Structure formats: structure tokens, C-alpha cells
Amino acid sequence: MPELPEVEVVRAGLAPATIGARITAVSVFDERALTRHSAGAADFVSRLEGHRFTAADRRGKFLWLPLEGDESALIAHLGMSGQMLLRAPDATPERHERVRLHVEHPTHGDLAIVFADQRTFGSLAVDALQDDGPTRIPSQVVHIARDPIDPLFDDAGFLMALRRRNSAIKRVLLDQQLISGVGNIYADESLWAARIHPETAASSLSTQAARRLLAEVRLVLDKALAEGGTSFDAQYVNVNGQAGYFAHSLNAYGRGGQPCPRCGGPIRREAFMNRSSHYCPRCQRRR
């Protein structure tokens, strides 16, 4: 599933082509792409056509484009395989295209924003904006915590929450109501970098270890962003359809049985919440 870096790469790619653009037409080819928009396709289209996008925002794995003169935004969750692609207005339909927005940008001219989704777990919606501290976010996102690269992320609050959690630290990192955007890949990579076993109780971490982990989470996310995210197949791409290459920089995730880049011991792969955990038993000893 796309995680924070992959979604941020998409948001950053959409921003210059969408901010200030007016939506001239919307085509919905598959209503399964609107599961988050309960009012249906006709309402979805009518609430978009004629409006302009004013920004491109993100929190965790959600991204949204606020609408001018309206207290709402086009919100997108990419699910397992969703893609937001920029295309020429007359471009051939994508293989798994679900929704197409035609926009007119004052600088870039006519463009098409295509939502394609092979597995149909992603969704678009027009959602009301509401206050969340100094920012405004869609109502469907209010339950999501700020992510660690958000300037308003509360470090002290996060460290305090860790001291109250007896769950395994990896489970805590995946709790989107505490810290958003850190999925399975980046949790494994951050724990490896911080030399912390994924089953270590969060409450048992020293303040120094907890701070080191948060710093490593940020370093891993920043590096993944710089490399365009992690792509294992053709599903995880930017708005131009290009894959990220952070997969070539992974130290733990997906390397079960391979030597640890730090100590040479074998990386261990274990089942975890219908997924897998990858760690080095030698470097990340359970204490």
C-alpha cells in the first residue's frame, strides 16, 4: 500500500498542475471509485464542475485539493493500487481508469487528471472541510494524526504517548491515530536504523531510544521522498507514471534471509498482522 512518501510524491506532482486550475468536466467510469462519496456519481460531478482548485494538501496517506469558494475539497485515498496521473486531455484511457477530470490551468492549459486503480480499494470524494487547529482538513481525515514530517507534529505528545503504550513498538508506529503515514515498509526500516526490535514494548523504550527512533523515522521518510518513494511493481508511480527507486535502498524490509547491511547476520522475516516484519536479530535484540 502506498505510504506517506508515495502519497507526498503524488501531491507534489499534482500541485503545480492543479492549483488555480478550473474543472471543466468530470467523467466517472466506475462508481466503485466513489465509495467514500456516498451521494453518488451525479452529485460528485456537480460538486466539482466549474470550481477551481486552490491548493494540494496531504495528511498521512490522504491527499486533497480544496475548492475555491466552497467549504469542501476533492479528497483521494489511493488504497492498494490507486494512481493519480496527469495526462493530455485527449490521452488514451488508462487500463484501469475509473475517473477523469478535465481541467483548464492558466499556465499549463488543458490537462486531464486521471484516477486509475487496478484493485479498486482506492476512492475519491468531495468532502466538507473543517477546522483542525490552524489548518482546515476534510471531515474524513480528522481522525488521522499528523505525520512526523508535518511542521506541527507534536514530538513531546508522541513521546509521552509511547510511555503509556504497552503494545509492541511496531504496532504503535502503524497506529494512524497516533502517528500517520508510517506503514509497514518504513516502520521496518526505521526500527532497523534505530536498532530496536519490532516487538519491544513501546512503554519500555528509554526517552533517548524513543527520540532516536523518531529521528530515524524522519530520516527514512526524507530519504524515501528524495528517491521518489518505494516501487515494487507498476502500481506505485508518480503523476507521470514513473516509479520511485527507494526499494534499492532498503536495509531490512523485503530482505528476509539476506545479510544485514550493518552486521552481516541474516535478516529475519516473521508474520505480522497479515503482513511481515523484517529485522536483524543480531542488531535489533529484544531486551
Protein backbone atom coordinates (compact mmCIF):
# COMPACT_ATOMS: atom_id res chain seq x y z
CA MET A 1 0.00 0.00 0.00
CA PRO A 2 1.30 3.50 -0.80
CA GLU A 3 2.63 5.14 2.36
CA LEU A 4 3.49 8.74 3.21
CA PRO A 5 6.41 9.19 0.77
CA GLU A 6 4.49 7.75 -2.18
CA VAL A 7 1.43 9.92 -1.48
CA GLU A 8 3.57 13.02 -0.91
CA VAL A 9 5.31 12.44 -4.24
CA VAL A 10 1.88 12.37 -5.91
CA ARG A 11 0.72 15.50 -4.03
CA ALA A 12 3.86 17.41 -5.01
CA GLY A 13 3.41 16.37 -8.63
CA LEU A 14 -0.24 17.43 -8.71
CA ALA A 15 0.31 20.81 -7.06
CA PRO A 16 1.73 22.85 -9.99
CA ALA A 17 -0.81 21.43 -12.43
CA THR A 18 -3.89 21.76 -10.25
CA ILE A 19 -3.55 24.90 -8.10
CA GLY A 20 -5.52 27.58 -9.94
CA ALA A 21 -6.96 25.09 -12.45
CA ARG A 22 -10.68 25.15 -13.23
CA ILE A 23 -12.53 21.84 -13.57
CA THR A 24 -14.32 21.86 -16.92
CA ALA A 25 -15.69 18.30 -16.98
CA VAL A 26 -15.74 15.15 -14.87
CA SER A 27 -16.28 11.60 -16.15
CA VAL A 28 -16.96 8.70 -13.78
CA PHE A 29 -16.42 5.35 -15.48
CA ASP A 30 -16.66 3.14 -12.41
CA GLU A 31 -18.63 4.14 -9.30
CA ARG A 32 -16.56 1.78 -7.18
CA ALA A 33 -14.03 4.61 -7.21
CA LEU A 34 -16.51 6.75 -5.24
CA THR A 35 -17.08 4.55 -2.19
CA ARG A 36 -16.13 7.48 0.06
CA HIS A 37 -18.69 9.71 -1.73
CA SER A 38 -21.99 8.30 -0.50
CA ALA A 39 -24.15 10.73 -2.53
CA GLY A 40 -23.21 9.04 -5.80
CA ALA A 41 -21.66 9.94 -9.13
CA ALA A 42 -24.08 12.67 -10.23
CA ASP A 43 -23.56 14.59 -7.01
CA PHE A 44 -19.79 14.07 -7.23
CA VAL A 45 -19.71 15.57 -10.73
CA SER A 46 -21.97 18.52 -9.92
CA ARG A 47 -19.91 19.50 -6.89
CA LEU A 48 -16.71 19.64 -8.94
CA GLU A 49 -17.50 21.06 -12.37
CA GLY A 50 -16.90 24.79 -12.66
CA HIS A 51 -14.81 25.04 -9.49
CA ARG A 52 -11.11 25.86 -9.16
CA PHE A 53 -8.54 24.06 -7.05
CA THR A 54 -6.77 26.35 -4.59
CA ALA A 55 -4.16 24.05 -3.01
CA ALA A 56 -2.82 20.50 -2.82
CA ASP A 57 -2.64 19.14 0.73
CA ARG A 58 -1.92 15.85 2.45
CA ARG A 59 -2.06 14.17 5.82
CA GLY A 60 -0.70 10.67 6.20
CA LYS A 61 -1.95 8.67 3.22
CA PHE A 62 -4.80 11.06 2.34
CA LEU A 63 -4.42 13.90 -0.15
CA TRP A 64 -6.94 16.57 -1.06
CA LEU A 65 -7.46 19.54 -3.38
CA PRO A 66 -9.55 22.34 -1.76
CA LEU A 67 -12.14 24.04 -3.96
CA GLU A 68 -12.36 27.82 -4.40
CA GLY A 69 -15.47 29.49 -2.99
CA ASP A 70 -16.59 26.28 -1.32
CA GLU A 71 -16.04 24.73 2.08
CA SER A 72 -15.08 21.42 0.54
CA ALA A 73 -12.28 19.57 -1.24
CA LEU A 74 -11.68 16.70 -3.62
CA ILE A 75 -10.18 14.03 -1.39
CA ALA A 76 -8.29 10.94 -2.55
CA HIS A 77 -7.14 7.79 -0.80
CA LEU A 78 -5.04 5.58 -3.07
CA GLY A 79 -5.80 2.31 -1.28
CA MET A 80 -3.65 -0.57 -2.51
CA SER A 81 -3.08 0.44 -6.12
CA GLY A 82 -4.63 3.84 -6.79
CA GLN A 83 -2.84 6.27 -9.10
CA MET A 84 -3.37 9.97 -9.75
CA LEU A 85 -1.95 10.68 -13.20
CA LEU A 86 -1.55 13.84 -15.29
CA ARG A 87 -2.30 13.31 -18.95
CA ALA A 88 -3.03 15.27 -22.11
CA PRO A 89 -6.77 15.95 -22.39
CA ASP A 90 -7.15 13.58 -25.35
CA ALA A 91 -4.86 10.86 -23.96
CA THR A 92 -5.85 7.24 -24.46
CA PRO A 93 -7.72 5.89 -21.40
CA GLU A 94 -5.57 4.11 -18.85
CA ARG A 95 -6.09 0.38 -18.47
CA HIS A 96 -7.75 0.68 -15.04
CA GLU A 97 -9.09 4.23 -15.38
CA ARG A 98 -12.02 4.92 -13.04
CA VAL A 99 -12.43 8.72 -13.06
CA ARG A 100 -11.14 11.51 -15.33
CA LEU A 101 -11.21 15.23 -14.54
CA HIS A 102 -10.65 17.71 -17.35
CA VAL A 103 -9.09 20.93 -16.07
CA GLU A 104 -8.01 24.23 -17.57
CA HIS A 105 -4.89 25.72 -15.98
CA PRO A 106 -3.97 29.39 -16.55
CA THR A 107 -0.34 28.46 -17.27
CA HIS A 108 -0.32 24.85 -18.40
CA GLY A 109 -3.51 24.87 -20.45
CA ASP A 110 -5.84 21.90 -20.76
CA LEU A 111 -4.95 18.79 -18.78
CA ALA A 112 -6.59 15.58 -17.61
CA ILE A 113 -6.31 14.27 -14.07
CA VAL A 114 -6.84 10.52 -14.19
CA PHE A 115 -7.66 8.29 -11.23
CA ALA A 116 -6.70 4.72 -12.12
CA ASP A 117 -6.98 1.81 -9.70
CA GLN A 118 -6.43 -1.83 -10.54
CA ARG A 119 -7.71 -3.32 -7.27
CA THR A 120 -10.46 -0.72 -6.67
CA PHE A 121 -9.65 -0.23 -2.97
CA GLY A 122 -8.87 3.45 -3.51
CA SER A 123 -11.53 6.13 -3.61
CA LEU A 124 -12.32 9.75 -4.43
CA ALA A 125 -14.90 12.00 -2.75
CA VAL A 126 -15.93 15.61 -2.33
CA ASP A 127 -15.81 16.21 1.40
CA ALA A 128 -16.54 19.15 3.70
CA LEU A 129 -13.59 20.97 5.22
CA GLN A 130 -13.44 21.70 8.93
CA ASP A 131 -11.05 23.36 11.34
CA ASP A 132 -8.23 21.34 12.85
CA GLY A 133 -6.13 23.76 14.85
CA PRO A 134 -4.57 26.29 12.47
CA THR A 135 -5.45 24.21 9.39
CA ARG A 136 -8.58 23.02 7.60
CA ILE A 137 -8.94 19.40 6.63
CA PRO A 138 -11.68 17.14 5.20
CA SER A 139 -14.04 15.59 7.73
CA GLN A 140 -12.92 12.12 6.62
CA VAL A 141 -9.38 12.90 7.75
CA VAL A 142 -9.96 14.42 11.21
CA HIS A 143 -9.30 11.08 12.95
CA ILE A 144 -5.85 10.84 11.33
CA ALA A 145 -2.90 12.11 13.37
CA ARG A 146 -0.34 14.49 11.94
CA ASP A 147 2.63 12.78 10.34
CA PRO A 148 6.25 13.17 11.51
CA ILE A 149 7.28 15.46 8.66
CA ASP A 150 4.41 17.84 9.40
CA PRO A 151 5.88 21.02 10.98
CA LEU A 152 3.03 20.90 13.54
CA PHE A 153 3.72 17.32 14.63
CA ASP A 154 3.80 17.17 18.45
CA ASP A 155 7.08 15.44 19.37
CA ALA A 156 6.52 15.74 23.11
CA GLY A 157 2.98 14.40 22.84
CA PHE A 158 4.15 11.45 20.76
CA LEU A 159 6.93 10.55 23.22
CA MET A 160 4.50 10.81 26.11
CA ALA A 161 2.04 8.52 24.32
CA LEU A 162 4.77 5.89 23.85
CA ARG A 163 5.28 5.73 27.62
CA ARG A 164 1.59 4.84 28.02
CA ARG A 165 1.57 2.08 25.39
CA ASN A 166 2.44 -1.50 26.32
CA SER A 167 1.94 -2.69 22.74
CA ALA A 168 4.85 -3.66 20.53
CA ILE A 169 6.55 -0.57 19.14
CA LYS A 170 5.90 -1.60 15.55
CA ARG A 171 2.15 -1.77 16.20
CA VAL A 172 2.33 1.69 17.72
CA LEU A 173 4.14 3.09 14.67
CA LEU A 174 1.33 1.76 12.48
CA ASP A 175 -1.40 3.41 14.59
CA GLN A 176 -2.63 6.18 12.27
CA GLN A 177 -4.42 7.90 15.16
CA LEU A 178 -1.09 8.44 16.92
CA ILE A 179 1.34 8.98 14.05
CA SER A 180 0.22 8.85 10.43
CA GLY A 181 1.89 7.87 7.20
CA VAL A 182 4.29 5.26 8.60
CA GLY A 183 3.34 1.95 7.03
CA ASN A 184 4.91 -1.49 7.13
CA ILE A 185 7.92 -0.70 4.94
CA TYR A 186 9.02 2.44 6.73
CA ALA A 187 8.32 1.03 10.19
CA ASP A 188 10.72 -1.85 9.48
CA GLU A 189 13.33 0.50 8.05
CA SER A 190 13.09 2.96 10.95
CA LEU A 191 13.30 0.26 13.61
CA TRP A 192 16.32 -1.25 11.86
CA ALA A 193 18.04 2.14 11.72
CA ALA A 194 17.30 2.76 15.42
CA ARG A 195 18.42 -0.80 16.39
CA ILE A 196 15.08 -1.54 18.09
CA HIS A 197 13.36 -4.93 17.96
CA PRO A 198 9.83 -4.57 16.49
CA GLU A 199 8.26 -6.47 19.43
CA THR A 200 9.80 -4.20 22.07
CA ALA A 201 7.07 -2.72 24.27
CA ALA A 202 6.72 0.97 23.45
CA SER A 203 6.50 1.82 27.17
CA SER A 204 9.86 0.18 27.81
CA LEU A 205 11.78 2.48 25.48
CA SER A 206 14.00 5.00 27.19
CA THR A 207 13.49 8.64 26.30
CA GLN A 208 16.78 8.55 24.41
CA ALA A 209 15.73 5.48 22.40
CA ALA A 210 12.30 6.95 21.64
CA ARG A 211 13.85 10.19 20.42
CA ARG A 212 16.34 8.25 18.32
CA LEU A 213 13.51 6.26 16.75
CA LEU A 214 11.52 9.37 15.88
CA ALA A 215 14.62 10.90 14.31
CA GLU A 216 15.21 7.76 12.25
CA VAL A 217 11.55 7.72 11.12
CA ARG A 218 12.05 11.21 9.74
CA LEU A 219 15.36 10.36 8.10
CA VAL A 220 13.90 7.28 6.42
CA LEU A 221 10.85 9.21 5.17
CA ASP A 222 13.00 12.08 3.91
CA LYS A 223 15.28 9.70 2.02
CA ALA A 224 12.32 7.85 0.52
CA LEU A 225 10.85 11.18 -0.59
CA ALA A 226 14.13 12.18 -2.23
CA GLU A 227 14.14 8.90 -4.15
CA GLY A 228 10.53 9.11 -5.27
CA GLY A 229 9.11 6.54 -2.87
CA THR A 230 9.25 2.75 -2.93
CA SER A 231 8.07 0.87 -6.02
CA PHE A 232 7.99 -2.92 -6.17
CA ASP A 233 5.70 -3.06 -9.21
CA ALA A 234 4.00 -0.78 -11.70
CA GLN A 235 1.29 0.25 -9.21
CA TYR A 236 3.34 2.79 -7.22
CA VAL A 237 4.10 5.66 -9.56
CA ASN A 238 4.17 9.45 -9.60
CA VAL A 239 1.78 11.62 -11.63
CA ASN A 240 3.84 10.97 -14.76
CA GLY A 241 3.72 7.20 -14.30
CA GLN A 242 7.34 6.92 -13.14
CA ALA A 243 8.34 4.52 -10.36
CA GLY A 244 10.31 5.51 -7.27
CA TYR A 245 13.60 3.77 -6.54
CA PHE A 246 13.84 3.71 -2.74
CA ALA A 247 13.39 -0.08 -2.95
CA HIS A 248 17.08 -0.21 -3.88
CA SER A 249 17.96 1.49 -0.57
CA LEU A 250 16.04 -0.80 1.78
CA ASN A 251 18.08 -2.30 4.63
CA ALA A 252 15.52 -4.63 6.22
CA TYR A 253 12.12 -4.72 4.52
CA GLY A 254 11.83 -7.46 1.91
CA ARG A 255 15.32 -8.78 2.64
CA GLY A 256 14.44 -11.92 4.59
CA GLY A 257 17.38 -14.35 4.59
CA GLN A 258 19.77 -11.79 3.12
CA PRO A 259 22.74 -10.40 5.08
CA CYS A 260 22.16 -7.36 7.26
CA PRO A 261 23.99 -4.39 5.67
CA ARG A 262 25.27 -3.41 9.11
CA CYS A 263 26.47 -6.63 10.76
CA GLY A 264 26.22 -9.33 8.08
CA GLY A 265 23.80 -11.51 10.03
CA PRO A 266 20.68 -12.81 8.24
CA ILE A 267 17.62 -10.58 8.17
CA ARG A 268 14.67 -12.41 9.69
CA ARG A 269 11.16 -12.33 8.24
CA GLU A 270 8.22 -13.06 10.54
CA ALA A 271 4.45 -12.93 10.11
CA PHE A 272 2.92 -9.75 11.49
CA MET A 273 -0.74 -8.62 11.29
CA ASN A 274 -1.39 -10.37 7.95
CA ARG A 275 1.87 -8.88 6.70
CA SER A 276 5.53 -9.43 7.51
CA SER A 277 8.14 -7.91 9.77
CA HIS A 278 11.78 -7.79 8.74
CA TYR A 279 14.56 -7.17 11.25
CA CYS A 280 18.07 -8.21 12.21
CA PRO A 281 18.08 -10.41 15.34
CA ARG A 282 21.71 -9.50 15.98
CA CYS A 283 21.42 -5.71 15.63
CA GLN A 284 17.87 -5.40 16.95
CA ARG A 285 17.95 -7.55 20.03
CA ARG A 286 14.80 -7.86 22.09
CA ARG A 287 15.51 -6.60 25.59
